[in-house]
Amino acid sequence: MMASDIAATTYSIIGEHCSVGKERDLKPESRLKDLGVNSINFIKVIVALEKEFGIDFDTDHIELANFETIRDIVTYVDERKRRIPDL
């Protein structure tokens, strides 16, 4: 899966769980705080990303403060996906 696919899916999940309207143009540099993401919907996003991509976020790393932008999330997911061997 390419980073652009991860980004598109991440945008969709953020939109679904964070009440970000479709009219809002999400970009890699979009700040989560500016999108109204709080700790509760952030956890919902993390759970959805884990299910969608078959990855686990490090429990020590699951804090909104560790992810300032959408790019931060996409980069993290991409790195985690690369660690999973192709079956």
C-alpha atoms as a PDB file:
ATOM      1  CA  MET A   1       0.000   0.000   0.000  1.00  0.00           C
ATOM      2  CA  MET A   2       1.346   3.384  -0.980  1.00  0.00           C
ATOM      3  CA  ALA A   3       1.546   6.410   1.314  1.00  0.00           C
ATOM      4  CA  SER A   4      -1.051   8.177  -0.855  1.00  0.00           C
ATOM      5  CA  ASP A   5      -3.511   5.330  -0.166  1.00  0.00           C
ATOM      6  CA  ILE A   6      -2.749   5.535   3.533  1.00  0.00           C
ATOM      7  CA  ALA A   7      -3.314   9.293   3.430  1.00  0.00           C
ATOM      8  CA  ALA A   8      -6.657   8.994   1.623  1.00  0.00           C
ATOM      9  CA  THR A   9      -7.892   6.372   4.081  1.00  0.00           C
ATOM     10  CA  THR A  10      -6.642   8.417   7.031  1.00  0.00           C
ATOM     11  CA  TYR A  11      -8.500  11.505   5.760  1.00  0.00           C
ATOM     12  CA  SER A  12     -11.667   9.445   5.461  1.00  0.00           C
ATOM     13  CA  ILE A  13     -11.327   8.023   8.972  1.00  0.00           C
ATOM     14  CA  ILE A  14     -10.622  11.433  10.484  1.00  0.00           C
ATOM     15  CA  GLY A  15     -13.639  12.868   8.684  1.00  0.00           C
ATOM     16  CA  GLU A  16     -15.836  10.044   9.937  1.00  0.00           C
ATOM     17  CA  HIS A  17     -14.761  10.097  13.577  1.00  0.00           C
ATOM     18  CA  CYS A  18     -14.071  13.792  14.088  1.00  0.00           C
ATOM     19  CA  SER A  19     -17.076  15.431  12.452  1.00  0.00           C
ATOM     20  CA  VAL A  20     -14.902  17.105   9.857  1.00  0.00           C
ATOM     21  CA  GLY A  21     -17.233  18.026   7.022  1.00  0.00           C
ATOM     22  CA  LYS A  22     -16.495  16.756   3.538  1.00  0.00           C
ATOM     23  CA  GLU A  23     -16.355  20.348   2.372  1.00  0.00           C
ATOM     24  CA  ARG A  24     -13.266  20.856   4.494  1.00  0.00           C
ATOM     25  CA  ASP A  25     -10.143  20.250   2.470  1.00  0.00           C
ATOM     26  CA  LEU A  26      -7.881  18.022   4.542  1.00  0.00           C
ATOM     27  CA  LYS A  27      -4.196  18.268   3.760  1.00  0.00           C
ATOM     28  CA  PRO A  28      -1.102  16.615   5.186  1.00  0.00           C
ATOM     29  CA  GLU A  29      -0.248  19.801   7.058  1.00  0.00           C
ATOM     30  CA  SER A  30      -3.746  20.131   8.564  1.00  0.00           C
ATOM     31  CA  ARG A  31      -3.299  20.452  12.313  1.00  0.00           C
ATOM     32  CA  LEU A  32      -5.436  18.060  14.328  1.00  0.00           C
ATOM     33  CA  LYS A  33      -6.101  20.696  16.953  1.00  0.00           C
ATOM     34  CA  ASP A  34      -7.373  23.095  14.257  1.00  0.00           C
ATOM     35  CA  LEU A  35      -9.731  20.359  13.021  1.00  0.00           C
ATOM     36  CA  GLY A  36     -11.273  20.078  16.475  1.00  0.00           C
ATOM     37  CA  VAL A  37      -9.791  16.667  17.216  1.00  0.00           C
ATOM     38  CA  ASN A  38      -9.921  15.931  20.936  1.00  0.00           C
ATOM     39  CA  SER A  39      -8.521  13.033  22.928  1.00  0.00           C
ATOM     40  CA  ILE A  40     -11.720  10.974  22.714  1.00  0.00           C
ATOM     41  CA  ASN A  41     -12.173  11.125  18.955  1.00  0.00           C
ATOM     42  CA  PHE A  42      -8.415  10.780  18.525  1.00  0.00           C
ATOM     43  CA  ILE A  43      -8.594   7.362  20.202  1.00  0.00           C
ATOM     44  CA  LYS A  44     -11.496   6.441  17.896  1.00  0.00           C
ATOM     45  CA  VAL A  45      -9.306   7.382  14.918  1.00  0.00           C
ATOM     46  CA  ILE A  46      -6.413   5.294  16.253  1.00  0.00           C
ATOM     47  CA  VAL A  47      -8.637   2.235  16.759  1.00  0.00           C
ATOM     48  CA  ALA A  48     -10.085   2.616  13.245  1.00  0.00           C
ATOM     49  CA  LEU A  49      -6.584   2.965  11.745  1.00  0.00           C
ATOM     50  CA  GLU A  50      -5.385  -0.127  13.597  1.00  0.00           C
ATOM     51  CA  LYS A  51      -8.312  -2.147  12.248  1.00  0.00           C
ATOM     52  CA  GLU A  52      -8.055  -0.752   8.715  1.00  0.00           C
ATOM     53  CA  PHE A  53      -4.315  -1.277   8.312  1.00  0.00           C
ATOM     54  CA  GLY A  54      -3.745  -4.282  10.579  1.00  0.00           C
ATOM     55  CA  ILE A  55      -1.240  -2.439  12.738  1.00  0.00           C
ATOM     56  CA  ASP A  56      -0.848  -1.626  16.410  1.00  0.00           C
ATOM     57  CA  PHE A  57       0.096   1.780  17.739  1.00  0.00           C
ATOM     58  CA  ASP A  58       2.628   1.630  20.572  1.00  0.00           C
ATOM     59  CA  THR A  59       0.629   2.214  23.746  1.00  0.00           C
ATOM     60  CA  ASP A  60       3.297   4.624  24.950  1.00  0.00           C
ATOM     61  CA  HIS A  61       2.861   6.619  21.748  1.00  0.00           C
ATOM     62  CA  ILE A  62      -0.946   6.963  21.684  1.00  0.00           C
ATOM     63  CA  GLU A  63      -1.267  10.584  22.725  1.00  0.00           C
ATOM     64  CA  LEU A  64      -2.698  13.423  20.723  1.00  0.00           C
ATOM     65  CA  ALA A  65       0.368  15.479  21.655  1.00  0.00           C
ATOM     66  CA  ASN A  66       2.527  13.054  19.619  1.00  0.00           C
ATOM     67  CA  PHE A  67       0.617  13.794  16.412  1.00  0.00           C
ATOM     68  CA  GLU A  68       0.344  17.459  15.494  1.00  0.00           C
ATOM     69  CA  THR A  69      -0.701  17.054  11.857  1.00  0.00           C
ATOM     70  CA  ILE A  70      -2.356  14.529   9.579  1.00  0.00           C
ATOM     71  CA  ARG A  71       1.082  13.993   8.019  1.00  0.00           C
ATOM     72  CA  ASP A  72       2.344  12.797  11.409  1.00  0.00           C
ATOM     73  CA  ILE A  73      -0.359  10.127  11.529  1.00  0.00           C
ATOM     74  CA  VAL A  74       0.171   9.049   7.908  1.00  0.00           C
ATOM     75  CA  THR A  75       3.936   8.799   8.432  1.00  0.00           C
ATOM     76  CA  TYR A  76       3.473   6.731  11.582  1.00  0.00           C
ATOM     77  CA  VAL A  77       1.007   4.348   9.906  1.00  0.00           C
ATOM     78  CA  ASP A  78       3.265   4.008   6.848  1.00  0.00           C
ATOM     79  CA  GLU A  79       6.255   3.170   9.060  1.00  0.00           C
ATOM     80  CA  ARG A  80       4.230   0.596  10.998  1.00  0.00           C
ATOM     81  CA  LYS A  81       2.961  -0.986   7.759  1.00  0.00           C
ATOM     82  CA  ARG A  82       6.527  -1.335   6.480  1.00  0.00           C
ATOM     83  CA  ARG A  83       7.409  -3.379   9.563  1.00  0.00           C
ATOM     84  CA  ILE A  84       4.774  -5.986   8.753  1.00  0.00           C
ATOM     85  CA  PRO A  85       6.183  -8.700   6.477  1.00  0.00           C
ATOM     86  CA  ASP A  86       4.174  -9.473   3.344  1.00  0.00           C
ATOM     87  CA  LEU A  87       2.310 -12.730   3.757  1.00  0.00           C
END
